[in-house]
Amino acid sequence: MAGVGIGALITPVAAMLAVWSGGAGHGHYEFARLFFPYTMLLTRLVDDVVTLPLIVLALAQFPLYGAIIGIAGSKGSSAVAGVLLLVVHIVAVVVCFSGAIPNLS
């Protein structure tokens, strides 16, 4: 599936930026909140810590996006799926930056 491959290519760049913005625990995690909002929101359930399962979820996010768009594309709805994923992602990002999660620093 091409979508999964594209997502897998995006993931390392997004992950490196997310780690960099974490600043070894002293940053504000801006890129983590931007690229991996679901993972960051889920930290609220585990005492505001980024755990290994959450890291795995983050690393799977963009390949999953690609898979969803690819599956939707086989049914002629890739644009609809892409827009839906984008809207849900943006809503999660807005929540991340709204103060719903602490600074983690």
PDB file of N, CA and C in Angstrom:
ATOM      1  N   MET A   1       0.831  -1.180   0.000  1.00  0.00           N
ATOM      2  CA  MET A   1       0.000   0.000   0.000  1.00  0.00           C
ATOM      3  C   MET A   1       0.880   1.249   0.000  1.00  0.00           C
ATOM      4  N   ALA A   2       0.676   2.073  -0.958  1.00  0.00           N
ATOM      5  CA  ALA A   2       1.484   3.288  -1.100  1.00  0.00           C
ATOM      6  C   ALA A   2       1.248   4.260   0.050  1.00  0.00           C
ATOM      7  N   GLY A   3       0.004   4.345   0.519  1.00  0.00           N
ATOM      8  CA  GLY A   3      -0.316   5.267   1.608  1.00  0.00           C
ATOM      9  C   GLY A   3       0.436   4.949   2.882  1.00  0.00           C
ATOM     10  N   VAL A   4       0.536   3.665   3.190  1.00  0.00           N
ATOM     11  CA  VAL A   4       1.280   3.245   4.386  1.00  0.00           C
ATOM     12  C   VAL A   4       2.748   3.606   4.224  1.00  0.00           C
ATOM     13  N   GLY A   5       3.290   3.409   3.026  1.00  0.00           N
ATOM     14  CA  GLY A   5       4.690   3.750   2.761  1.00  0.00           C
ATOM     15  C   GLY A   5       4.961   5.235   2.900  1.00  0.00           C
ATOM     16  N   ILE A   6       4.044   6.036   2.389  1.00  0.00           N
ATOM     17  CA  ILE A   6       4.205   7.487   2.511  1.00  0.00           C
ATOM     18  C   ILE A   6       4.139   7.893   3.980  1.00  0.00           C
ATOM     19  N   GLY A   7       3.198   7.310   4.720  1.00  0.00           N
ATOM     20  CA  GLY A   7       3.107   7.587   6.152  1.00  0.00           C
ATOM     21  C   GLY A   7       4.368   7.169   6.886  1.00  0.00           C
ATOM     22  N   ALA A   8       4.945   6.035   6.472  1.00  0.00           N
ATOM     23  CA  ALA A   8       6.180   5.558   7.101  1.00  0.00           C
ATOM     24  C   ALA A   8       7.357   6.485   6.793  1.00  0.00           C
ATOM     25  N   LEU A   9       7.332   7.138   5.649  1.00  0.00           N
ATOM     26  CA  LEU A   9       8.394   8.092   5.312  1.00  0.00           C
ATOM     27  C   LEU A   9       8.260   9.401   6.101  1.00  0.00           C
ATOM     28  N   ILE A  10       7.041   9.791   6.391  1.00  0.00           N
ATOM     29  CA  ILE A  10       6.790  11.023   7.135  1.00  0.00           C
ATOM     30  C   ILE A  10       7.128  10.849   8.616  1.00  0.00           C
ATOM     31  N   THR A  11       6.868   9.658   9.136  1.00  0.00           N
ATOM     32  CA  THR A  11       7.000   9.395  10.572  1.00  0.00           C
ATOM     33  C   THR A  11       8.365   9.742  11.165  1.00  0.00           C
ATOM     34  N   PRO A  12       9.496   9.317  10.575  1.00  0.00           N
ATOM     35  CA  PRO A  12      10.780   9.622  11.213  1.00  0.00           C
ATOM     36  C   PRO A  12      11.066  11.123  11.334  1.00  0.00           C
ATOM     37  N   VAL A  13      10.685  11.880  10.327  1.00  0.00           N
ATOM     38  CA  VAL A  13      10.911  13.333  10.370  1.00  0.00           C
ATOM     39  C   VAL A  13      10.045  13.948  11.470  1.00  0.00           C
ATOM     40  N   ALA A  14       8.767  13.583  11.504  1.00  0.00           N
ATOM     41  CA  ALA A  14       7.864  14.111  12.525  1.00  0.00           C
ATOM     42  C   ALA A  14       8.325  13.685  13.922  1.00  0.00           C
ATOM     43  N   ALA A  15       8.782  12.447  14.051  1.00  0.00           N
ATOM     44  CA  ALA A  15       9.242  11.949  15.355  1.00  0.00           C
ATOM     45  C   ALA A  15      10.494  12.690  15.819  1.00  0.00           C
ATOM     46  N   MET A  16      11.435  12.922  14.909  1.00  0.00           N
ATOM     47  CA  MET A  16      12.650  13.643  15.292  1.00  0.00           C
ATOM     48  C   MET A  16      12.316  15.067  15.741  1.00  0.00           C
ATOM     49  N   LEU A  17      11.424  15.736  15.026  1.00  0.00           N
ATOM     50  CA  LEU A  17      11.016  17.085  15.423  1.00  0.00           C
ATOM     51  C   LEU A  17      10.302  17.060  16.778  1.00  0.00           C
ATOM     52  N   ALA A  18       9.475  16.040  16.998  1.00  0.00           N
ATOM     53  CA  ALA A  18       8.759  15.929  18.269  1.00  0.00           C
ATOM     54  C   ALA A  18       9.730  15.732  19.423  1.00  0.00           C
ATOM     55  N   VAL A  19      10.715  14.861  19.238  1.00  0.00           N
ATOM     56  CA  VAL A  19      11.716  14.623  20.282  1.00  0.00           C
ATOM     57  C   VAL A  19      12.522  15.885  20.527  1.00  0.00           C
ATOM     58  N   TRP A  20      12.913  16.545  19.465  1.00  0.00           N
ATOM     59  CA  TRP A  20      13.680  17.789  19.584  1.00  0.00           C
ATOM     60  C   TRP A  20      12.896  18.833  20.371  1.00  0.00           C
ATOM     61  N   SER A  21      11.591  18.969  20.080  1.00  0.00           N
ATOM     62  CA  SER A  21      10.790  19.978  20.781  1.00  0.00           C
ATOM     63  C   SER A  21      10.559  19.608  22.237  1.00  0.00           C
ATOM     64  N   GLY A  22      10.759  18.324  22.575  1.00  0.00           N
ATOM     65  CA  GLY A  22      10.660  17.913  23.970  1.00  0.00           C
ATOM     66  C   GLY A  22      11.836  18.375  24.790  1.00  0.00           C
ATOM     67  N   GLY A  23      12.944  18.663  24.140  1.00  0.00           N
ATOM     68  CA  GLY A  23      14.114  19.214  24.818  1.00  0.00           C
ATOM     69  C   GLY A  23      14.589  18.390  26.000  1.00  0.00           C
ATOM     70  N   ALA A  24      14.663  17.071  25.843  1.00  0.00           N
ATOM     71  CA  ALA A  24      15.107  16.168  26.916  1.00  0.00           C
ATOM     72  C   ALA A  24      14.270  16.359  28.180  1.00  0.00           C
ATOM     73  N   GLY A  25      12.975  16.596  27.983  1.00  0.00           N
ATOM     74  CA  GLY A  25      12.078  16.770  29.113  1.00  0.00           C
ATOM     75  C   GLY A  25      11.950  18.198  29.595  1.00  0.00           C
ATOM     76  N   HIS A  26      12.672  19.115  28.980  1.00  0.00           N
ATOM     77  CA  HIS A  26      12.634  20.507  29.417  1.00  0.00           C
ATOM     78  C   HIS A  26      12.036  21.434  28.363  1.00  0.00           C
ATOM     79  N   GLY A  27      11.479  20.859  27.307  1.00  0.00           N
ATOM     80  CA  GLY A  27      10.888  21.670  26.251  1.00  0.00           C
ATOM     81  C   GLY A  27       9.389  21.803  26.431  1.00  0.00           C
ATOM     82  N   HIS A  28       8.744  22.294  25.414  1.00  0.00           N
ATOM     83  CA  HIS A  28       7.304  22.501  25.467  1.00  0.00           C
ATOM     84  C   HIS A  28       6.545  21.538  24.551  1.00  0.00           C
ATOM     85  N   TYR A  29       7.260  20.677  23.847  1.00  0.00           N
ATOM     86  CA  TYR A  29       6.646  19.623  23.033  1.00  0.00           C
ATOM     87  C   TYR A  29       5.734  20.172  21.932  1.00  0.00           C
ATOM     88  N   GLU A  30       6.078  21.312  21.350  1.00  0.00           N
ATOM     89  CA  GLU A  30       5.232  21.903  20.320  1.00  0.00           C
ATOM     90  C   GLU A  30       5.040  20.966  19.133  1.00  0.00           C
ATOM     91  N   PHE A  31       6.141  20.401  18.622  1.00  0.00           N
ATOM     92  CA  PHE A  31       6.008  19.520  17.461  1.00  0.00           C
ATOM     93  C   PHE A  31       5.330  18.207  17.838  1.00  0.00           C
ATOM     94  N   ALA A  32       5.534  17.734  19.049  1.00  0.00           N
ATOM     95  CA  ALA A  32       4.837  16.527  19.493  1.00  0.00           C
ATOM     96  C   ALA A  32       3.336  16.787  19.527  1.00  0.00           C
ATOM     97  N   ARG A  33       2.946  17.941  20.037  1.00  0.00           N
ATOM     98  CA  ARG A  33       1.525  18.302  20.069  1.00  0.00           C
ATOM     99  C   ARG A  33       0.965  18.487  18.668  1.00  0.00           C
ATOM    100  N   LEU A  34       1.768  19.036  17.766  1.00  0.00           N
ATOM    101  CA  LEU A  34       1.316  19.288  16.403  1.00  0.00           C
ATOM    102  C   LEU A  34       1.190  17.998  15.588  1.00  0.00           C
ATOM    103  N   PHE A  35       2.213  17.158  15.644  1.00  0.00           N
ATOM    104  CA  PHE A  35       2.222  15.962  14.801  1.00  0.00           C
ATOM    105  C   PHE A  35       1.553  14.752  15.446  1.00  0.00           C
ATOM    106  N   PHE A  36       1.587  14.655  16.777  1.00  0.00           N
ATOM    107  CA  PHE A  36       1.075  13.473  17.468  1.00  0.00           C
ATOM    108  C   PHE A  36       0.097  13.882  18.579  1.00  0.00           C
ATOM    109  N   PRO A  37      -0.977  14.568  18.229  1.00  0.00           N
ATOM    110  CA  PRO A  37      -1.871  15.092  19.264  1.00  0.00           C
ATOM    111  C   PRO A  37      -2.587  14.011  20.067  1.00  0.00           C
ATOM    112  N   TYR A  38      -2.922  12.886  19.448  1.00  0.00           N
ATOM    113  CA  TYR A  38      -3.635  11.832  20.180  1.00  0.00           C
ATOM    114  C   TYR A  38      -2.743  11.266  21.279  1.00  0.00           C
ATOM    115  N   THR A  39      -1.488  11.029  20.944  1.00  0.00           N
ATOM    116  CA  THR A  39      -0.541  10.527  21.928  1.00  0.00           C
ATOM    117  C   THR A  39      -0.393  11.520  23.069  1.00  0.00           C
ATOM    118  N   MET A  40      -0.255  12.778  22.737  1.00  0.00           N
ATOM    119  CA  MET A  40      -0.075  13.786  23.772  1.00  0.00           C
ATOM    120  C   MET A  40      -1.327  13.906  24.648  1.00  0.00           C
ATOM    121  N   LEU A  41      -2.497  13.813  24.067  1.00  0.00           N
ATOM    122  CA  LEU A  41      -3.721  13.866  24.861  1.00  0.00           C
ATOM    123  C   LEU A  41      -3.851  12.644  25.759  1.00  0.00           C
ATOM    124  N   LEU A  42      -3.414  11.506  25.277  1.00  0.00           N
ATOM    125  CA  LEU A  42      -3.496  10.283  26.078  1.00  0.00           C
ATOM    126  C   LEU A  42      -2.533  10.279  27.257  1.00  0.00           C
ATOM    127  N   THR A  43      -1.548  11.174  27.260  1.00  0.00           N
ATOM    128  CA  THR A  43      -0.654  11.246  28.420  1.00  0.00           C
ATOM    129  C   THR A  43      -1.428  11.620  29.680  1.00  0.00           C
ATOM    130  N   ARG A  44      -2.568  12.242  29.529  1.00  0.00           N
ATOM    131  CA  ARG A  44      -3.401  12.596  30.698  1.00  0.00           C
ATOM    132  C   ARG A  44      -3.839  11.350  31.452  1.00  0.00           C
ATOM    133  N   LEU A  45      -3.924  10.217  30.760  1.00  0.00           N
ATOM    134  CA  LEU A  45      -4.362   8.970  31.392  1.00  0.00           C
ATOM    135  C   LEU A  45      -3.238   8.250  32.123  1.00  0.00           C
ATOM    136  N   VAL A  46      -1.996   8.640  31.866  1.00  0.00           N
ATOM    137  CA  VAL A  46      -0.845   7.943  32.458  1.00  0.00           C
ATOM    138  C   VAL A  46       0.068   8.934  33.176  1.00  0.00           C
ATOM    139  N   ASP A  47      -0.530   9.766  34.014  1.00  0.00           N
ATOM    140  CA  ASP A  47       0.215  10.710  34.851  1.00  0.00           C
ATOM    141  C   ASP A  47       1.111  11.655  34.053  1.00  0.00           C
ATOM    142  N   ASP A  48       0.651  12.082  32.900  1.00  0.00           N
ATOM    143  CA  ASP A  48       1.362  13.079  32.086  1.00  0.00           C
ATOM    144  C   ASP A  48       2.764  12.629  31.696  1.00  0.00           C
ATOM    145  N   VAL A  49       2.883  11.358  31.343  1.00  0.00           N
ATOM    146  CA  VAL A  49       4.161  10.780  30.922  1.00  0.00           C
ATOM    147  C   VAL A  49       3.964  10.147  29.551  1.00  0.00           C
ATOM    148  N   VAL A  50       4.948  10.316  28.689  1.00  0.00           N
ATOM    149  CA  VAL A  50       4.914   9.659  27.384  1.00  0.00           C
ATOM    150  C   VAL A  50       5.495   8.260  27.577  1.00  0.00           C
ATOM    151  N   THR A  51       4.618   7.259  27.571  1.00  0.00           N
ATOM    152  CA  THR A  51       5.021   5.874  27.821  1.00  0.00           C
ATOM    153  C   THR A  51       5.338   5.158  26.514  1.00  0.00           C
ATOM    154  N   LEU A  52       5.950   3.983  26.622  1.00  0.00           N
ATOM    155  CA  LEU A  52       6.297   3.205  25.429  1.00  0.00           C
ATOM    156  C   LEU A  52       5.073   2.885  24.568  1.00  0.00           C
ATOM    157  N   PRO A  53       3.945   2.456  25.141  1.00  0.00           N
ATOM    158  CA  PRO A  53       2.774   2.220  24.277  1.00  0.00           C
ATOM    159  C   PRO A  53       2.320   3.469  23.529  1.00  0.00           C
ATOM    160  N   LEU A  54       2.453   4.630  24.156  1.00  0.00           N
ATOM    161  CA  LEU A  54       2.075   5.874  23.478  1.00  0.00           C
ATOM    162  C   LEU A  54       3.061   6.215  22.361  1.00  0.00           C
ATOM    163  N   ILE A  55       4.323   5.903  22.575  1.00  0.00           N
ATOM    164  CA  ILE A  55       5.318   6.119  21.520  1.00  0.00           C
ATOM    165  C   ILE A  55       5.002   5.222  20.329  1.00  0.00           C
ATOM    166  N   VAL A  56       4.634   3.976  20.599  1.00  0.00           N
ATOM    167  CA  VAL A  56       4.266   3.040  19.523  1.00  0.00           C
ATOM    168  C   VAL A  56       3.050   3.574  18.768  1.00  0.00           C
ATOM    169  N   LEU A  57       2.067   4.078  19.505  1.00  0.00           N
ATOM    170  CA  LEU A  57       0.892   4.675  18.866  1.00  0.00           C
ATOM    171  C   LEU A  57       1.284   5.841  17.972  1.00  0.00           C
ATOM    172  N   ALA A  58       2.165   6.701  18.480  1.00  0.00           N
ATOM    173  CA  ALA A  58       2.610   7.856  17.695  1.00  0.00           C
ATOM    174  C   ALA A  58       3.298   7.401  16.410  1.00  0.00           C
ATOM    175  N   LEU A  59       4.169   6.407  16.514  1.00  0.00           N
ATOM    176  CA  LEU A  59       4.902   5.942  15.337  1.00  0.00           C
ATOM    177  C   LEU A  59       3.992   5.250  14.324  1.00  0.00           C
ATOM    178  N   ALA A  60       2.863   4.761  14.786  1.00  0.00           N
ATOM    179  CA  ALA A  60       1.911   4.098  13.876  1.00  0.00           C
ATOM    180  C   ALA A  60       0.919   5.079  13.251  1.00  0.00           C
ATOM    181  N   GLN A  61       0.840   6.287  13.792  1.00  0.00           N
ATOM    182  CA  GLN A  61      -0.202   7.227  13.376  1.00  0.00           C
ATOM    183  C   GLN A  61      -0.177   7.550  11.880  1.00  0.00           C
ATOM    184  N   PHE A  62       0.946   8.000  11.350  1.00  0.00           N
ATOM    185  CA  PHE A  62       0.978   8.397   9.936  1.00  0.00           C
ATOM    186  C   PHE A  62       0.824   7.208   8.988  1.00  0.00           C
ATOM    187  N   PRO A  63       1.431   6.043   9.263  1.00  0.00           N
ATOM    188  CA  PRO A  63       1.118   4.882   8.423  1.00  0.00           C
ATOM    189  C   PRO A  63      -0.368   4.508   8.472  1.00  0.00           C
ATOM    190  N   LEU A  64      -0.996   4.656   9.642  1.00  0.00           N
ATOM    191  CA  LEU A  64      -2.439   4.388   9.729  1.00  0.00           C
ATOM    192  C   LEU A  64      -3.232   5.395   8.911  1.00  0.00           C
ATOM    193  N   TYR A  65      -2.836   6.663   8.978  1.00  0.00           N
ATOM    194  CA  TYR A  65      -3.481   7.664   8.127  1.00  0.00           C
ATOM    195  C   TYR A  65      -3.379   7.237   6.661  1.00  0.00           C
ATOM    196  N   GLY A  66      -2.186   6.821   6.248  1.00  0.00           N
ATOM    197  CA  GLY A  66      -1.981   6.387   4.866  1.00  0.00           C
ATOM    198  C   GLY A  66      -2.837   5.190   4.513  1.00  0.00           C
ATOM    199  N   ALA A  67      -2.937   4.244   5.430  1.00  0.00           N
ATOM    200  CA  ALA A  67      -3.762   3.057   5.186  1.00  0.00           C
ATOM    201  C   ALA A  67      -5.231   3.440   5.032  1.00  0.00           C
ATOM    202  N   ILE A  68      -5.711   4.322   5.895  1.00  0.00           N
ATOM    203  CA  ILE A  68      -7.116   4.750   5.828  1.00  0.00           C
ATOM    204  C   ILE A  68      -7.395   5.456   4.505  1.00  0.00           C
ATOM    205  N   ILE A  69      -6.498   6.340   4.109  1.00  0.00           N
ATOM    206  CA  ILE A  69      -6.689   7.048   2.837  1.00  0.00           C
ATOM    207  C   ILE A  69      -6.598   6.068   1.676  1.00  0.00           C
ATOM    208  N   GLY A  70      -5.679   5.103   1.761  1.00  0.00           N
ATOM    209  CA  GLY A  70      -5.554   4.099   0.703  1.00  0.00           C
ATOM    210  C   GLY A  70      -6.796   3.237   0.573  1.00  0.00           C
ATOM    211  N   ILE A  71      -7.326   2.784   1.698  1.00  0.00           N
ATOM    212  CA  ILE A  71      -8.544   1.968   1.673  1.00  0.00           C
ATOM    213  C   ILE A  71      -9.709   2.791   1.135  1.00  0.00           C
ATOM    214  N   ALA A  72      -9.818   4.028   1.593  1.00  0.00           N
ATOM    215  CA  ALA A  72     -10.887   4.898   1.091  1.00  0.00           C
ATOM    216  C   ALA A  72     -10.713   5.161  -0.398  1.00  0.00           C
ATOM    217  N   GLY A  73      -9.441   5.287  -0.844  1.00  0.00           N
ATOM    218  CA  GLY A  73      -9.172   5.518  -2.266  1.00  0.00           C
ATOM    219  C   GLY A  73      -9.632   4.370  -3.139  1.00  0.00           C
ATOM    220  N   SER A  74      -9.529   3.146  -2.619  1.00  0.00           N
ATOM    221  CA  SER A  74      -9.982   1.990  -3.397  1.00  0.00           C
ATOM    222  C   SER A  74     -11.494   1.996  -3.571  1.00  0.00           C
ATOM    223  N   LYS A  75     -12.175   2.791  -2.770  1.00  0.00           N
ATOM    224  CA  LYS A  75     -13.624   2.923  -2.873  1.00  0.00           C
ATOM    225  C   LYS A  75     -14.021   4.261  -3.470  1.00  0.00           C
ATOM    226  N   GLY A  76     -13.012   5.019  -3.929  1.00  0.00           N
ATOM    227  CA  GLY A  76     -13.273   6.302  -4.582  1.00  0.00           C
ATOM    228  C   GLY A  76     -13.503   7.452  -3.626  1.00  0.00           C
ATOM    229  N   SER A  77     -13.083   7.315  -2.375  1.00  0.00           N
ATOM    230  CA  SER A  77     -13.349   8.362  -1.385  1.00  0.00           C
ATOM    231  C   SER A  77     -12.096   8.857  -0.679  1.00  0.00           C
ATOM    232  N   SER A  78     -10.952   8.829  -1.342  1.00  0.00           N
ATOM    233  CA  SER A  78      -9.714   9.219  -0.668  1.00  0.00           C
ATOM    234  C   SER A  78      -9.729  10.686  -0.245  1.00  0.00           C
ATOM    235  N   ALA A  79     -10.322  11.549  -1.056  1.00  0.00           N
ATOM    236  CA  ALA A  79     -10.368  12.971  -0.702  1.00  0.00           C
ATOM    237  C   ALA A  79     -11.219  13.184   0.538  1.00  0.00           C
ATOM    238  N   VAL A  80     -12.332  12.500   0.617  1.00  0.00           N
ATOM    239  CA  VAL A  80     -13.217  12.616   1.780  1.00  0.00           C
ATOM    240  C   VAL A  80     -12.492  12.118   3.025  1.00  0.00           C
ATOM    241  N   ALA A  81     -11.831  10.973   2.922  1.00  0.00           N
ATOM    242  CA  ALA A  81     -11.095  10.416   4.062  1.00  0.00           C
ATOM    243  C   ALA A  81      -9.967  11.351   4.481  1.00  0.00           C
ATOM    244  N   GLY A  82      -9.265  11.907   3.510  1.00  0.00           N
ATOM    245  CA  GLY A  82      -8.175  12.821   3.810  1.00  0.00           C
ATOM    246  C   GLY A  82      -8.652  14.062   4.540  1.00  0.00           C
ATOM    247  N   VAL A  83      -9.751  14.626   4.074  1.00  0.00           N
ATOM    248  CA  VAL A  83     -10.300  15.825   4.710  1.00  0.00           C
ATOM    249  C   VAL A  83     -10.796  15.488   6.115  1.00  0.00           C
ATOM    250  N   LEU A  84     -11.449  14.355   6.267  1.00  0.00           N
ATOM    251  CA  LEU A  84     -11.940  13.940   7.584  1.00  0.00           C
ATOM    252  C   LEU A  84     -10.788  13.738   8.568  1.00  0.00           C
ATOM    253  N   LEU A  85      -9.745  13.054   8.130  1.00  0.00           N
ATOM    254  CA  LEU A  85      -8.571  12.854   8.989  1.00  0.00           C
ATOM    255  C   LEU A  85      -7.942  14.195   9.347  1.00  0.00           C
ATOM    256  N   LEU A  86      -7.847  15.078   8.387  1.00  0.00           N
ATOM    257  CA  LEU A  86      -7.263  16.398   8.630  1.00  0.00           C
ATOM    258  C   LEU A  86      -8.072  17.179   9.657  1.00  0.00           C
ATOM    259  N   VAL A  87      -9.385  17.157   9.527  1.00  0.00           N
ATOM    260  CA  VAL A  87     -10.243  17.893  10.458  1.00  0.00           C
ATOM    261  C   VAL A  87     -10.114  17.315  11.870  1.00  0.00           C
ATOM    262  N   VAL A  88     -10.165  15.995  12.002  1.00  0.00           N
ATOM    263  CA  VAL A  88     -10.044  15.368  13.315  1.00  0.00           C
ATOM    264  C   VAL A  88      -8.669  15.662  13.912  1.00  0.00           C
ATOM    265  N   HIS A  89      -7.637  15.603  13.085  1.00  0.00           N
ATOM    266  CA  HIS A  89      -6.278  15.894  13.552  1.00  0.00           C
ATOM    267  C   HIS A  89      -6.184  17.345  14.030  1.00  0.00           C
ATOM    268  N   ILE A  90      -6.719  18.269  13.266  1.00  0.00           N
ATOM    269  CA  ILE A  90      -6.670  19.686  13.635  1.00  0.00           C
ATOM    270  C   ILE A  90      -7.416  19.930  14.944  1.00  0.00           C
ATOM    271  N   VAL A  91      -8.564  19.294  15.115  1.00  0.00           N
ATOM    272  CA  VAL A  91      -9.312  19.446  16.368  1.00  0.00           C
ATOM    273  C   VAL A  91      -8.468  18.950  17.544  1.00  0.00           C
ATOM    274  N   ALA A  92      -7.814  17.805  17.376  1.00  0.00           N
ATOM    275  CA  ALA A  92      -6.959  17.269  18.441  1.00  0.00           C
ATOM    276  C   ALA A  92      -5.787  18.207  18.728  1.00  0.00           C
ATOM    277  N   VAL A  93      -5.209  18.793  17.690  1.00  0.00           N
ATOM    278  CA  VAL A  93      -4.104  19.740  17.869  1.00  0.00           C
ATOM    279  C   VAL A  93      -4.589  20.964  18.646  1.00  0.00           C
ATOM    280  N   VAL A  94      -5.739  21.476  18.290  1.00  0.00           N
ATOM    281  CA  VAL A  94      -6.285  22.648  18.989  1.00  0.00           C
ATOM    282  C   VAL A  94      -6.487  22.322  20.466  1.00  0.00           C
ATOM    283  N   VAL A  95      -7.009  21.145  20.765  1.00  0.00           N
ATOM    284  CA  VAL A  95      -7.193  20.741  22.158  1.00  0.00           C
ATOM    285  C   VAL A  95      -5.837  20.662  22.863  1.00  0.00           C
ATOM    286  N   CYS A  96      -4.837  20.119  22.169  1.00  0.00           N
ATOM    287  CA  CYS A  96      -3.493  20.018  22.753  1.00  0.00           C
ATOM    288  C   CYS A  96      -2.929  21.379  23.133  1.00  0.00           C
ATOM    289  N   PHE A  97      -3.169  22.373  22.310  1.00  0.00           N
ATOM    290  CA  PHE A  97      -2.625  23.700  22.567  1.00  0.00           C
ATOM    291  C   PHE A  97      -3.558  24.575  23.409  1.00  0.00           C
ATOM    292  N   SER A  98      -4.716  24.031  23.791  1.00  0.00           N
ATOM    293  CA  SER A  98      -5.689  24.820  24.548  1.00  0.00           C
ATOM    294  C   SER A  98      -5.440  24.799  26.048  1.00  0.00           C
ATOM    295  N   GLY A  99      -4.466  24.032  26.477  1.00  0.00           N
ATOM    296  CA  GLY A  99      -4.203  23.918  27.911  1.00  0.00           C
ATOM    297  C   GLY A  99      -4.758  22.635  28.505  1.00  0.00           C
ATOM    298  N   ALA A 100      -5.278  21.741  27.666  1.00  0.00           N
ATOM    299  CA  ALA A 100      -5.833  20.482  28.156  1.00  0.00           C
ATOM    300  C   ALA A 100      -4.768  19.545  28.702  1.00  0.00           C
ATOM    301  N   ILE A 101      -3.543  19.732  28.238  1.00  0.00           N
ATOM    302  CA  ILE A 101      -2.431  18.928  28.748  1.00  0.00           C
ATOM    303  C   ILE A 101      -1.373  19.855  29.319  1.00  0.00           C
ATOM    304  N   PRO A 102      -0.656  19.386  30.323  1.00  0.00           N
ATOM    305  CA  PRO A 102       0.366  20.241  30.918  1.00  0.00           C
ATOM    306  C   PRO A 102       1.573  20.362  30.004  1.00  0.00           C
ATOM    307  N   ASN A 103       2.502  21.163  30.417  1.00  0.00           N
ATOM    308  CA  ASN A 103       3.719  21.393  29.649  1.00  0.00           C
ATOM    309  C   ASN A 103       4.617  20.170  29.546  1.00  0.00           C
ATOM    310  N   LEU A 104       4.483  19.231  30.458  1.00  0.00           N
ATOM    311  CA  LEU A 104       5.331  18.027  30.511  1.00  0.00           C
ATOM    312  C   LEU A 104       6.792  18.369  30.714  1.00  0.00           C
ATOM    313  N   SER A 105       7.077  19.561  31.174  1.00  0.00           N
ATOM    314  CA  SER A 105       8.479  19.923  31.395  1.00  0.00           C
ATOM    315  C   SER A 105       8.795  20.035  32.863  1.00  0.00           C
TER     316      SER A 105
END
